[in-house]
Amino acid sequence: MKSKPRREKKTKAKREEVAQTTVRAPLGKVWVLATESGLREIRLSSREAPTRSEMRARGWKLIRRPRWPDPARRLIEGYLKGSERRLEIPLDLGAGTPFQRSVWEAARKIPYGTAASYVDLARLAGHPRASRAVGNALGANPVPIVVPCHRVIHADQSIGGFSSGLTWKRFLLELERGQLELPWKPRRRFLFKR
């Protein structure tokens, strides 16, 4: 007599808990997602709000826990009002290759109100011949504003790209210059010497 095959219990993979909040900005909402360990993601309004199905696909479970994203929310609100220049906050970046992380860490060193070229940032990140790859790494930056990829421009001083759109990049650069009403003009000096 054949024995019945054992039914294997389906084990549900435990999803990582993520909390979210929003900040109102002149260009729309800013979505802030955080875990208990720190800031996970920032979405500027040109991107859609995180959906539950997207969260599930990423292995995240959306929960109500305001105290997780609130420190980042307060900093971003202060930044948008012009009263907060240093966005020092713990990050919990589950994504990113070692190269991308080195670029993001280097970008955090670009001071408020200044700009650096992709070439400058590649040097600072320890990859002097990888300026194009640096641009790609910035495009994958999950926490714009806190990792200020908007401060990176082309060596010819043209504005370059931005994952949330050039309107947001111009807005953030002008916000840091204190002249939101003026059209964007690149700074003539770079943060790092060539």
Protein backbone atom coordinates (compact mmCIF):
# COMPACT_ATOMS: atom_id res chain seq x y z
CA MET A 1 0.00 0.00 0.00
CA LYS A 2 1.35 3.34 -1.02
CA SER A 3 1.59 5.97 1.62
CA LYS A 4 0.09 9.33 0.92
CA PRO A 5 2.62 12.00 0.19
CA ARG A 6 3.03 14.41 3.05
CA ARG A 7 1.60 17.80 2.57
CA GLU A 8 4.24 20.33 3.11
CA LYS A 9 3.12 23.27 5.10
CA LYS A 10 3.31 26.45 3.20
CA THR A 11 5.40 28.79 5.21
CA LYS A 12 4.56 32.36 4.63
CA ALA A 13 7.69 34.45 4.40
CA LYS A 14 7.67 37.15 7.01
CA ARG A 15 7.44 40.52 5.36
CA GLU A 16 9.43 43.49 6.57
CA GLU A 17 7.35 46.14 8.32
CA VAL A 18 7.44 49.61 6.76
CA ALA A 19 5.56 52.72 7.86
CA GLN A 20 4.81 55.74 5.71
CA THR A 21 3.83 59.36 5.99
CA THR A 22 3.60 62.31 3.61
CA VAL A 23 4.92 65.84 3.51
CA ARG A 24 3.25 68.57 1.49
CA ALA A 25 5.63 70.39 -0.83
CA PRO A 26 5.04 73.15 -3.40
CA LEU A 27 5.32 70.58 -6.22
CA GLY A 28 3.13 67.96 -4.54
CA LYS A 29 3.41 65.24 -1.95
CA VAL A 30 6.63 63.71 -0.69
CA TRP A 31 6.17 60.10 0.46
CA VAL A 32 8.42 59.04 3.34
CA LEU A 33 8.83 55.32 4.09
CA ALA A 34 10.78 54.06 7.10
CA THR A 35 11.46 50.93 9.08
CA GLU A 36 12.24 50.72 12.76
CA SER A 37 15.94 51.01 11.82
CA GLY A 38 15.69 54.15 9.68
CA LEU A 39 14.63 55.86 6.48
CA ARG A 40 14.00 53.41 3.64
CA GLU A 41 12.65 55.47 0.75
CA ILE A 42 11.51 58.94 -0.30
CA ARG A 43 9.21 59.42 -3.26
CA LEU A 44 8.62 62.82 -4.73
CA SER A 45 5.15 63.45 -6.11
CA SER A 46 6.14 62.81 -9.71
CA ARG A 47 6.13 59.15 -8.68
CA GLU A 48 3.02 57.36 -7.54
CA ALA A 49 2.29 56.55 -3.93
CA PRO A 50 3.47 53.10 -2.90
CA THR A 51 0.70 50.56 -3.46
CA ARG A 52 0.00 47.56 -1.28
CA SER A 53 0.69 45.17 -4.16
CA GLU A 54 4.06 46.86 -4.79
CA MET A 55 4.86 46.62 -1.09
CA ARG A 56 3.99 42.91 -1.09
CA ALA A 57 6.15 42.32 -4.16
CA ARG A 58 9.08 43.93 -2.37
CA GLY A 59 8.50 41.85 0.75
CA TRP A 60 7.24 44.81 2.77
CA LYS A 61 4.18 45.07 4.96
CA LEU A 62 2.71 48.54 5.34
CA ILE A 63 1.88 49.27 8.97
CA ARG A 64 0.76 52.26 11.01
CA ARG A 65 3.75 53.32 13.05
CA PRO A 66 4.10 57.12 12.84
CA ARG A 67 7.14 57.27 15.09
CA TRP A 68 9.29 55.52 12.44
CA PRO A 69 8.94 58.02 9.57
CA ASP A 70 8.30 61.10 11.76
CA PRO A 71 11.97 62.09 12.30
CA ALA A 72 12.52 62.11 8.53
CA ARG A 73 9.21 63.91 7.96
CA ARG A 74 10.18 66.69 10.39
CA LEU A 75 13.61 67.10 8.76
CA ILE A 76 12.14 67.24 5.27
CA GLU A 77 9.49 69.77 6.35
CA GLY A 78 12.27 71.92 7.83
CA TYR A 79 14.34 71.52 4.69
CA LEU A 80 11.43 72.61 2.47
CA LYS A 81 10.89 75.69 4.69
CA GLY A 82 14.60 76.55 4.41
CA SER A 83 15.29 76.10 8.12
CA GLU A 84 17.00 72.69 7.97
CA ARG A 85 20.23 72.28 6.04
CA ARG A 86 21.65 69.08 7.50
CA LEU A 87 19.59 66.00 6.89
CA GLU A 88 21.45 63.64 9.18
CA ILE A 89 19.16 60.70 9.81
CA PRO A 90 19.70 56.95 10.08
CA LEU A 91 19.14 55.18 6.78
CA ASP A 92 17.93 51.61 6.31
CA LEU A 93 18.73 51.02 2.68
CA GLY A 94 17.95 47.43 1.91
CA ALA A 95 18.74 47.92 -1.77
CA GLY A 96 21.84 48.97 -3.61
CA THR A 97 25.10 47.42 -4.68
CA PRO A 98 28.34 48.26 -2.86
CA PHE A 99 29.19 50.64 -5.73
CA GLN A 100 25.81 52.41 -5.50
CA ARG A 101 26.16 52.73 -1.73
CA SER A 102 29.62 54.27 -2.10
CA VAL A 103 28.19 56.84 -4.53
CA TRP A 104 25.26 57.62 -2.24
CA GLU A 105 27.60 58.06 0.74
CA ALA A 106 29.82 60.38 -1.30
CA ALA A 107 26.80 62.41 -2.45
CA ARG A 108 25.83 62.99 1.19
CA LYS A 109 29.09 64.94 1.57
CA ILE A 110 28.10 67.61 -0.96
CA PRO A 111 27.25 70.66 1.16
CA TYR A 112 23.92 72.44 1.07
CA GLY A 113 23.70 75.12 -1.62
CA THR A 114 26.59 73.80 -3.73
CA ALA A 115 26.86 71.58 -6.77
CA ALA A 116 29.36 68.97 -7.90
CA SER A 117 29.82 67.37 -11.28
CA TYR A 118 29.37 63.67 -11.95
CA VAL A 119 33.15 63.56 -12.51
CA ASP A 120 33.77 65.19 -9.12
CA LEU A 121 31.45 62.75 -7.41
CA ALA A 122 33.09 59.77 -9.13
CA ARG A 123 36.45 60.91 -7.73
CA LEU A 124 35.01 61.45 -4.26
CA ALA A 125 33.43 57.98 -4.31
CA GLY A 126 36.80 56.44 -5.22
CA HIS A 127 35.88 55.58 -8.82
CA PRO A 128 37.47 58.39 -10.87
CA ARG A 129 36.76 56.83 -14.29
CA ALA A 130 33.14 55.91 -13.59
CA SER A 131 31.21 59.16 -13.98
CA ARG A 132 28.55 57.55 -16.19
CA ALA A 133 28.09 54.70 -13.70
CA VAL A 134 27.85 57.33 -10.94
CA GLY A 135 24.93 58.89 -12.83
CA ASN A 136 23.22 55.50 -13.01
CA ALA A 137 23.79 54.94 -9.28
CA LEU A 138 22.22 58.32 -8.53
CA GLY A 139 19.24 57.35 -10.67
CA ALA A 140 18.70 54.38 -8.33
CA ASN A 141 18.96 56.53 -5.18
CA PRO A 142 15.99 55.54 -2.98
CA VAL A 143 16.19 58.61 -0.73
CA PRO A 144 16.49 61.80 -2.81
CA ILE A 145 16.86 64.99 -0.77
CA VAL A 146 18.60 63.10 2.09
CA VAL A 147 21.13 61.70 -0.39
CA PRO A 148 21.24 64.96 -2.36
CA CYS A 149 21.60 63.68 -5.91
CA HIS A 150 19.95 66.91 -7.08
CA ARG A 151 23.26 68.67 -6.29
CA VAL A 152 25.07 66.74 -9.02
CA ILE A 153 25.26 68.36 -12.47
CA HIS A 154 27.22 67.82 -15.69
CA ALA A 155 30.81 69.07 -15.98
CA ASP A 156 29.65 71.58 -18.62
CA GLN A 157 27.32 72.95 -15.92
CA SER A 158 24.13 71.76 -17.58
CA ILE A 159 21.58 70.44 -15.13
CA GLY A 160 21.80 66.71 -15.90
CA GLY A 161 19.07 64.25 -14.98
CA PHE A 162 17.01 63.45 -11.91
CA SER A 163 14.92 60.36 -11.16
CA SER A 164 11.94 62.48 -10.05
CA GLY A 165 12.12 64.86 -13.01
CA LEU A 166 13.92 68.09 -13.81
CA THR A 167 11.16 70.24 -12.32
CA TRP A 168 11.95 68.76 -8.92
CA LYS A 169 15.72 69.10 -9.47
CA ARG A 170 15.40 72.78 -10.37
CA PHE A 171 13.07 73.35 -7.43
CA LEU A 172 15.50 71.76 -4.94
CA LEU A 173 18.52 73.62 -6.32
CA GLU A 174 16.67 76.94 -6.18
CA LEU A 175 15.38 76.19 -2.70
CA GLU A 176 18.98 75.78 -1.53
CA ARG A 177 19.99 79.00 -3.22
CA GLY A 178 17.11 80.83 -1.54
CA GLN A 179 15.70 82.12 -4.83
CA LEU A 180 12.82 79.93 -5.83
CA GLU A 181 11.30 82.56 -8.08
CA LEU A 182 14.34 82.83 -10.36
CA PRO A 183 15.09 80.49 -13.27
CA TRP A 184 17.87 78.05 -12.51
CA LYS A 185 21.39 79.11 -13.42
CA PRO A 186 24.30 76.81 -12.62
CA ARG A 187 26.90 77.87 -10.11
CA ARG A 188 30.24 78.65 -11.69
CA ARG A 189 32.31 76.89 -9.06
CA PHE A 190 32.27 73.23 -8.24
CA LEU A 191 32.51 71.76 -4.80
CA PHE A 192 35.64 69.79 -5.62
CA LYS A 193 38.68 70.93 -7.57
CA ARG A 194 39.18 69.32 -10.94
